[in-house]
Amino acid sequence: MSADRAAVLNALKSLQPSHRDLIRRAHYLGSTTEHIAAELGIDEATVKRELHCALRTMHDLLPNRHCA
């Protein structure tokens, strides 16, 4: 397993389960925030806010990566 992949997996494991689920739905399954909100029975604004928080946490947990 590459170091980058391991870092992402470790960061995902560190997230709250609800944040991990939002990232899975949005970025791995390709669901829209509108669709996620409907599935979970919550407001779309809540999905957007929590997804933003989850991604910010991922950014903070991952070591700095620079494009070549």
PDB file of N, CA and C in Angstrom:
ATOM      1  N   MET A   1       0.843  -1.174   0.000  1.00  0.00           N
ATOM      2  CA  MET A   1       0.000   0.000   0.000  1.00  0.00           C
ATOM      3  C   MET A   1       0.889   1.239   0.000  1.00  0.00           C
ATOM      4  N   SER A   2       0.531   2.218  -0.819  1.00  0.00           N
ATOM      5  CA  SER A   2       1.337   3.437  -0.888  1.00  0.00           C
ATOM      6  C   SER A   2       1.189   4.247   0.396  1.00  0.00           C
ATOM      7  N   ALA A   3       2.171   5.093   0.646  1.00  0.00           N
ATOM      8  CA  ALA A   3       2.145   5.938   1.841  1.00  0.00           C
ATOM      9  C   ALA A   3       0.955   6.895   1.800  1.00  0.00           C
ATOM     10  N   ASP A   4       0.634   7.417   0.614  1.00  0.00           N
ATOM     11  CA  ASP A   4      -0.505   8.333   0.489  1.00  0.00           C
ATOM     12  C   ASP A   4      -1.814   7.630   0.827  1.00  0.00           C
ATOM     13  N   ARG A   5      -1.985   6.444   0.298  1.00  0.00           N
ATOM     14  CA  ARG A   5      -3.213   5.678   0.559  1.00  0.00           C
ATOM     15  C   ARG A   5      -3.330   5.354   2.040  1.00  0.00           C
ATOM     16  N   ALA A   6      -2.244   4.956   2.648  1.00  0.00           N
ATOM     17  CA  ALA A   6      -2.252   4.642   4.078  1.00  0.00           C
ATOM     18  C   ALA A   6      -2.606   5.879   4.901  1.00  0.00           C
ATOM     19  N   ALA A   7      -2.075   7.027   4.518  1.00  0.00           N
ATOM     20  CA  ALA A   7      -2.366   8.269   5.240  1.00  0.00           C
ATOM     21  C   ALA A   7      -3.849   8.622   5.138  1.00  0.00           C
ATOM     22  N   VAL A   8      -4.425   8.463   3.952  1.00  0.00           N
ATOM     23  CA  VAL A   8      -5.849   8.757   3.767  1.00  0.00           C
ATOM     24  C   VAL A   8      -6.700   7.798   4.588  1.00  0.00           C
ATOM     25  N   LEU A   9      -6.374   6.517   4.555  1.00  0.00           N
ATOM     26  CA  LEU A   9      -7.143   5.537   5.328  1.00  0.00           C
ATOM     27  C   LEU A   9      -7.055   5.812   6.822  1.00  0.00           C
ATOM     28  N   ASN A  10      -5.875   6.159   7.307  1.00  0.00           N
ATOM     29  CA  ASN A  10      -5.721   6.486   8.725  1.00  0.00           C
ATOM     30  C   ASN A  10      -6.515   7.727   9.096  1.00  0.00           C
ATOM     31  N   ALA A  11      -6.510   8.725   8.228  1.00  0.00           N
ATOM     32  CA  ALA A  11      -7.284   9.939   8.488  1.00  0.00           C
ATOM     33  C   ALA A  11      -8.780   9.622   8.516  1.00  0.00           C
ATOM     34  N   LEU A  12      -9.243   8.806   7.575  1.00  0.00           N
ATOM     35  CA  LEU A  12     -10.656   8.422   7.560  1.00  0.00           C
ATOM     36  C   LEU A  12     -11.051   7.694   8.842  1.00  0.00           C
ATOM     37  N   LYS A  13     -10.181   6.821   9.322  1.00  0.00           N
ATOM     38  CA  LYS A  13     -10.466   6.081  10.556  1.00  0.00           C
ATOM     39  C   LYS A  13     -10.575   7.002  11.759  1.00  0.00           C
ATOM     40  N   SER A  14      -9.927   8.152  11.691  1.00  0.00           N
ATOM     41  CA  SER A  14      -9.933   9.096  12.806  1.00  0.00           C
ATOM     42  C   SER A  14     -11.198   9.952  12.860  1.00  0.00           C
ATOM     43  N   LEU A  15     -11.952   9.977  11.779  1.00  0.00           N
ATOM     44  CA  LEU A  15     -13.161  10.799  11.723  1.00  0.00           C
ATOM     45  C   LEU A  15     -14.295  10.196  12.540  1.00  0.00           C
ATOM     46  N   GLN A  16     -15.237  11.063  12.919  1.00  0.00           N
ATOM     47  CA  GLN A  16     -16.479  10.582  13.511  1.00  0.00           C
ATOM     48  C   GLN A  16     -17.174   9.694  12.476  1.00  0.00           C
ATOM     49  N   PRO A  17     -17.865   8.650  12.913  1.00  0.00           N
ATOM     50  CA  PRO A  17     -18.552   7.782  11.952  1.00  0.00           C
ATOM     51  C   PRO A  17     -19.495   8.538  11.011  1.00  0.00           C
ATOM     52  N   SER A  18     -20.192   9.544  11.516  1.00  0.00           N
ATOM     53  CA  SER A  18     -21.117  10.293  10.652  1.00  0.00           C
ATOM     54  C   SER A  18     -20.368  11.067   9.572  1.00  0.00           C
ATOM     55  N   HIS A  19     -19.204  11.595   9.899  1.00  0.00           N
ATOM     56  CA  HIS A  19     -18.400  12.315   8.906  1.00  0.00           C
ATOM     57  C   HIS A  19     -17.814  11.347   7.887  1.00  0.00           C
ATOM     58  N   ARG A  20     -17.370  10.202   8.358  1.00  0.00           N
ATOM     59  CA  ARG A  20     -16.841   9.179   7.455  1.00  0.00           C
ATOM     60  C   ARG A  20     -17.931   8.754   6.464  1.00  0.00           C
ATOM     61  N   ASP A  21     -19.160   8.609   6.955  1.00  0.00           N
ATOM     62  CA  ASP A  21     -20.275   8.210   6.103  1.00  0.00           C
ATOM     63  C   ASP A  21     -20.574   9.270   5.046  1.00  0.00           C
ATOM     64  N   LEU A  22     -20.538  10.542   5.426  1.00  0.00           N
ATOM     65  CA  LEU A  22     -20.788  11.610   4.456  1.00  0.00           C
ATOM     66  C   LEU A  22     -19.735  11.621   3.356  1.00  0.00           C
ATOM     67  N   ILE A  23     -18.481  11.456   3.725  1.00  0.00           N
ATOM     68  CA  ILE A  23     -17.412  11.418   2.717  1.00  0.00           C
ATOM     69  C   ILE A  23     -17.598  10.215   1.796  1.00  0.00           C
ATOM     70  N   ARG A  24     -17.953   9.076   2.368  1.00  0.00           N
ATOM     71  CA  ARG A  24     -18.189   7.873   1.560  1.00  0.00           C
ATOM     72  C   ARG A  24     -19.314   8.117   0.559  1.00  0.00           C
ATOM     73  N   ARG A  25     -20.408   8.670   1.034  1.00  0.00           N
ATOM     74  CA  ARG A  25     -21.561   8.905   0.162  1.00  0.00           C
ATOM     75  C   ARG A  25     -21.239   9.912  -0.942  1.00  0.00           C
ATOM     76  N   ALA A  26     -20.593  11.012  -0.573  1.00  0.00           N
ATOM     77  CA  ALA A  26     -20.345  12.091  -1.535  1.00  0.00           C
ATOM     78  C   ALA A  26     -19.201  11.782  -2.487  1.00  0.00           C
ATOM     79  N   HIS A  27     -18.098  11.243  -1.968  1.00  0.00           N
ATOM     80  CA  HIS A  27     -16.896  11.124  -2.794  1.00  0.00           C
ATOM     81  C   HIS A  27     -16.635   9.721  -3.340  1.00  0.00           C
ATOM     82  N   TYR A  28     -17.156   8.702  -2.686  1.00  0.00           N
ATOM     83  CA  TYR A  28     -16.948   7.348  -3.205  1.00  0.00           C
ATOM     84  C   TYR A  28     -18.166   6.857  -3.983  1.00  0.00           C
ATOM     85  N   LEU A  29     -19.368   7.217  -3.497  1.00  0.00           N
ATOM     86  CA  LEU A  29     -20.589   6.785  -4.186  1.00  0.00           C
ATOM     87  C   LEU A  29     -21.094   7.827  -5.178  1.00  0.00           C
ATOM     88  N   GLY A  30     -20.583   9.050  -5.071  1.00  0.00           N
ATOM     89  CA  GLY A  30     -20.959  10.102  -6.003  1.00  0.00           C
ATOM     90  C   GLY A  30     -22.332  10.713  -5.768  1.00  0.00           C
ATOM     91  N   SER A  31     -22.871  10.554  -4.574  1.00  0.00           N
ATOM     92  CA  SER A  31     -24.185  11.122  -4.265  1.00  0.00           C
ATOM     93  C   SER A  31     -24.104  12.636  -4.125  1.00  0.00           C
ATOM     94  N   THR A  32     -25.164  13.309  -4.521  1.00  0.00           N
ATOM     95  CA  THR A  32     -25.236  14.756  -4.340  1.00  0.00           C
ATOM     96  C   THR A  32     -25.634  15.058  -2.897  1.00  0.00           C
ATOM     97  N   THR A  33     -25.379  16.297  -2.481  1.00  0.00           N
ATOM     98  CA  THR A  33     -25.782  16.679  -1.124  1.00  0.00           C
ATOM     99  C   THR A  33     -27.304  16.618  -0.990  1.00  0.00           C
ATOM    100  N   GLU A  34     -28.006  16.941  -2.053  1.00  0.00           N
ATOM    101  CA  GLU A  34     -29.471  16.857  -2.031  1.00  0.00           C
ATOM    102  C   GLU A  34     -29.928  15.414  -1.807  1.00  0.00           C
ATOM    103  N   HIS A  35     -29.302  14.482  -2.505  1.00  0.00           N
ATOM    104  CA  HIS A  35     -29.653  13.065  -2.375  1.00  0.00           C
ATOM    105  C   HIS A  35     -29.295  12.538  -0.985  1.00  0.00           C
ATOM    106  N   ILE A  36     -28.139  12.903  -0.478  1.00  0.00           N
ATOM    107  CA  ILE A  36     -27.721  12.474   0.863  1.00  0.00           C
ATOM    108  C   ILE A  36     -28.708  12.990   1.901  1.00  0.00           C
ATOM    109  N   ALA A  37     -29.092  14.260   1.779  1.00  0.00           N
ATOM    110  CA  ALA A  37     -30.044  14.849   2.726  1.00  0.00           C
ATOM    111  C   ALA A  37     -31.368  14.088   2.711  1.00  0.00           C
ATOM    112  N   ALA A  38     -31.850  13.762   1.522  1.00  0.00           N
ATOM    113  CA  ALA A  38     -33.110  13.027   1.406  1.00  0.00           C
ATOM    114  C   ALA A  38     -32.991  11.642   2.034  1.00  0.00           C
ATOM    115  N   GLU A  39     -31.887  10.960   1.779  1.00  0.00           N
ATOM    116  CA  GLU A  39     -31.677   9.620   2.347  1.00  0.00           C
ATOM    117  C   GLU A  39     -31.610   9.644   3.867  1.00  0.00           C
ATOM    118  N   LEU A  40     -30.957  10.670   4.413  1.00  0.00           N
ATOM    119  CA  LEU A  40     -30.765  10.747   5.861  1.00  0.00           C
ATOM    120  C   LEU A  40     -31.896  11.477   6.577  1.00  0.00           C
ATOM    121  N   GLY A  41     -32.770  12.115   5.807  1.00  0.00           N
ATOM    122  CA  GLY A  41     -33.883  12.842   6.402  1.00  0.00           C
ATOM    123  C   GLY A  41     -33.455  14.101   7.139  1.00  0.00           C
ATOM    124  N   ILE A  42     -32.426  14.762   6.603  1.00  0.00           N
ATOM    125  CA  ILE A  42     -31.936  16.000   7.206  1.00  0.00           C
ATOM    126  C   ILE A  42     -31.869  17.084   6.143  1.00  0.00           C
ATOM    127  N   ASP A  43     -31.696  18.317   6.587  1.00  0.00           N
ATOM    128  CA  ASP A  43     -31.630  19.458   5.685  1.00  0.00           C
ATOM    129  C   ASP A  43     -30.353  19.409   4.846  1.00  0.00           C
ATOM    130  N   GLU A  44     -30.454  19.817   3.581  1.00  0.00           N
ATOM    131  CA  GLU A  44     -29.280  19.820   2.706  1.00  0.00           C
ATOM    132  C   GLU A  44     -28.183  20.737   3.236  1.00  0.00           C
ATOM    133  N   ALA A  45     -28.558  21.849   3.852  1.00  0.00           N
ATOM    134  CA  ALA A  45     -27.558  22.763   4.422  1.00  0.00           C
ATOM    135  C   ALA A  45     -26.752  22.069   5.514  1.00  0.00           C
ATOM    136  N   THR A  46     -27.398  21.195   6.268  1.00  0.00           N
ATOM    137  CA  THR A  46     -26.698  20.435   7.308  1.00  0.00           C
ATOM    138  C   THR A  46     -25.692  19.486   6.677  1.00  0.00           C
ATOM    139  N   VAL A  47     -26.092  18.828   5.603  1.00  0.00           N
ATOM    140  CA  VAL A  47     -25.177  17.926   4.899  1.00  0.00           C
ATOM    141  C   VAL A  47     -23.965  18.706   4.404  1.00  0.00           C
ATOM    142  N   LYS A  48     -24.201  19.854   3.781  1.00  0.00           N
ATOM    143  CA  LYS A  48     -23.092  20.657   3.260  1.00  0.00           C
ATOM    144  C   LYS A  48     -22.152  21.096   4.372  1.00  0.00           C
ATOM    145  N   ARG A  49     -22.717  21.560   5.486  1.00  0.00           N
ATOM    146  CA  ARG A  49     -21.903  22.028   6.605  1.00  0.00           C
ATOM    147  C   ARG A  49     -21.073  20.884   7.197  1.00  0.00           C
ATOM    148  N   GLU A  50     -21.707  19.748   7.424  1.00  0.00           N
ATOM    149  CA  GLU A  50     -21.012  18.613   8.029  1.00  0.00           C
ATOM    150  C   GLU A  50     -19.982  18.009   7.077  1.00  0.00           C
ATOM    151  N   LEU A  51     -20.283  17.986   5.794  1.00  0.00           N
ATOM    152  CA  LEU A  51     -19.323  17.489   4.810  1.00  0.00           C
ATOM    153  C   LEU A  51     -18.111  18.411   4.757  1.00  0.00           C
ATOM    154  N   HIS A  52     -18.349  19.713   4.788  1.00  0.00           N
ATOM    155  CA  HIS A  52     -17.243  20.679   4.814  1.00  0.00           C
ATOM    156  C   HIS A  52     -16.379  20.459   6.055  1.00  0.00           C
ATOM    157  N   CYS A  53     -17.010  20.272   7.188  1.00  0.00           N
ATOM    158  CA  CYS A  53     -16.281  20.030   8.436  1.00  0.00           C
ATOM    159  C   CYS A  53     -15.458  18.743   8.338  1.00  0.00           C
ATOM    160  N   ALA A  54     -16.047  17.695   7.772  1.00  0.00           N
ATOM    161  CA  ALA A  54     -15.344  16.418   7.622  1.00  0.00           C
ATOM    162  C   ALA A  54     -14.123  16.567   6.723  1.00  0.00           C
ATOM    163  N   LEU A  55     -14.284  17.277   5.621  1.00  0.00           N
ATOM    164  CA  LEU A  55     -13.161  17.461   4.695  1.00  0.00           C
ATOM    165  C   LEU A  55     -12.076  18.346   5.298  1.00  0.00           C
ATOM    166  N   ARG A  56     -12.474  19.340   6.073  1.00  0.00           N
ATOM    167  CA  ARG A  56     -11.494  20.194   6.750  1.00  0.00           C
ATOM    168  C   ARG A  56     -10.692  19.363   7.761  1.00  0.00           C
ATOM    169  N   THR A  57     -11.379  18.483   8.479  1.00  0.00           N
ATOM    170  CA  THR A  57     -10.693  17.605   9.426  1.00  0.00           C
ATOM    171  C   THR A  57      -9.724  16.686   8.698  1.00  0.00           C
ATOM    172  N   MET A  58     -10.153  16.128   7.562  1.00  0.00           N
ATOM    173  CA  MET A  58      -9.253  15.284   6.766  1.00  0.00           C
ATOM    174  C   MET A  58      -8.016  16.075   6.365  1.00  0.00           C
ATOM    175  N   HIS A  59      -8.213  17.293   5.903  1.00  0.00           N
ATOM    176  CA  HIS A  59      -7.093  18.145   5.494  1.00  0.00           C
ATOM    177  C   HIS A  59      -6.129  18.352   6.657  1.00  0.00           C
ATOM    178  N   ASP A  60      -6.681  18.603   7.836  1.00  0.00           N
ATOM    179  CA  ASP A  60      -5.846  18.833   9.017  1.00  0.00           C
ATOM    180  C   ASP A  60      -5.089  17.574   9.445  1.00  0.00           C
ATOM    181  N   LEU A  61      -5.684  16.415   9.224  1.00  0.00           N
ATOM    182  CA  LEU A  61      -5.067  15.154   9.646  1.00  0.00           C
ATOM    183  C   LEU A  61      -3.990  14.654   8.688  1.00  0.00           C
ATOM    184  N   LEU A  62      -4.103  15.040   7.425  1.00  0.00           N
ATOM    185  CA  LEU A  62      -3.146  14.545   6.434  1.00  0.00           C
ATOM    186  C   LEU A  62      -1.875  15.380   6.444  1.00  0.00           C
ATOM    187  N   PRO A  63      -0.742  14.718   6.271  1.00  0.00           N
ATOM    188  CA  PRO A  63       0.509  15.475   6.174  1.00  0.00           C
ATOM    189  C   PRO A  63       0.474  16.353   4.926  1.00  0.00           C
ATOM    190  N   ASN A  64       1.224  17.416   4.954  1.00  0.00           N
ATOM    191  CA  ASN A  64       1.258  18.328   3.802  1.00  0.00           C
ATOM    192  C   ASN A  64       1.717  17.584   2.561  1.00  0.00           C
ATOM    193  N   ARG A  65       0.947  17.750   1.495  1.00  0.00           N
ATOM    194  CA  ARG A  65       1.281  17.143   0.200  1.00  0.00           C
ATOM    195  C   ARG A  65       1.395  18.274  -0.807  1.00  0.00           C
ATOM    196  N   HIS A  66       2.422  18.237  -1.609  1.00  0.00           N
ATOM    197  CA  HIS A  66       2.618  19.272  -2.622  1.00  0.00           C
ATOM    198  C   HIS A  66       2.634  18.623  -3.994  1.00  0.00           C
ATOM    199  N   CYS A  67       1.984  19.273  -4.937  1.00  0.00           N
ATOM    200  CA  CYS A  67       1.991  18.777  -6.316  1.00  0.00           C
ATOM    201  C   CYS A  67       3.352  19.044  -6.937  1.00  0.00           C
ATOM    202  N   ALA A  68       3.789  18.109  -7.755  1.00  0.00           N
ATOM    203  CA  ALA A  68       5.085  18.275  -8.426  1.00  0.00           C
ATOM    204  C   ALA A  68       4.920  19.079  -9.684  1.00  0.00           C
TER     205      ALA A  68
END
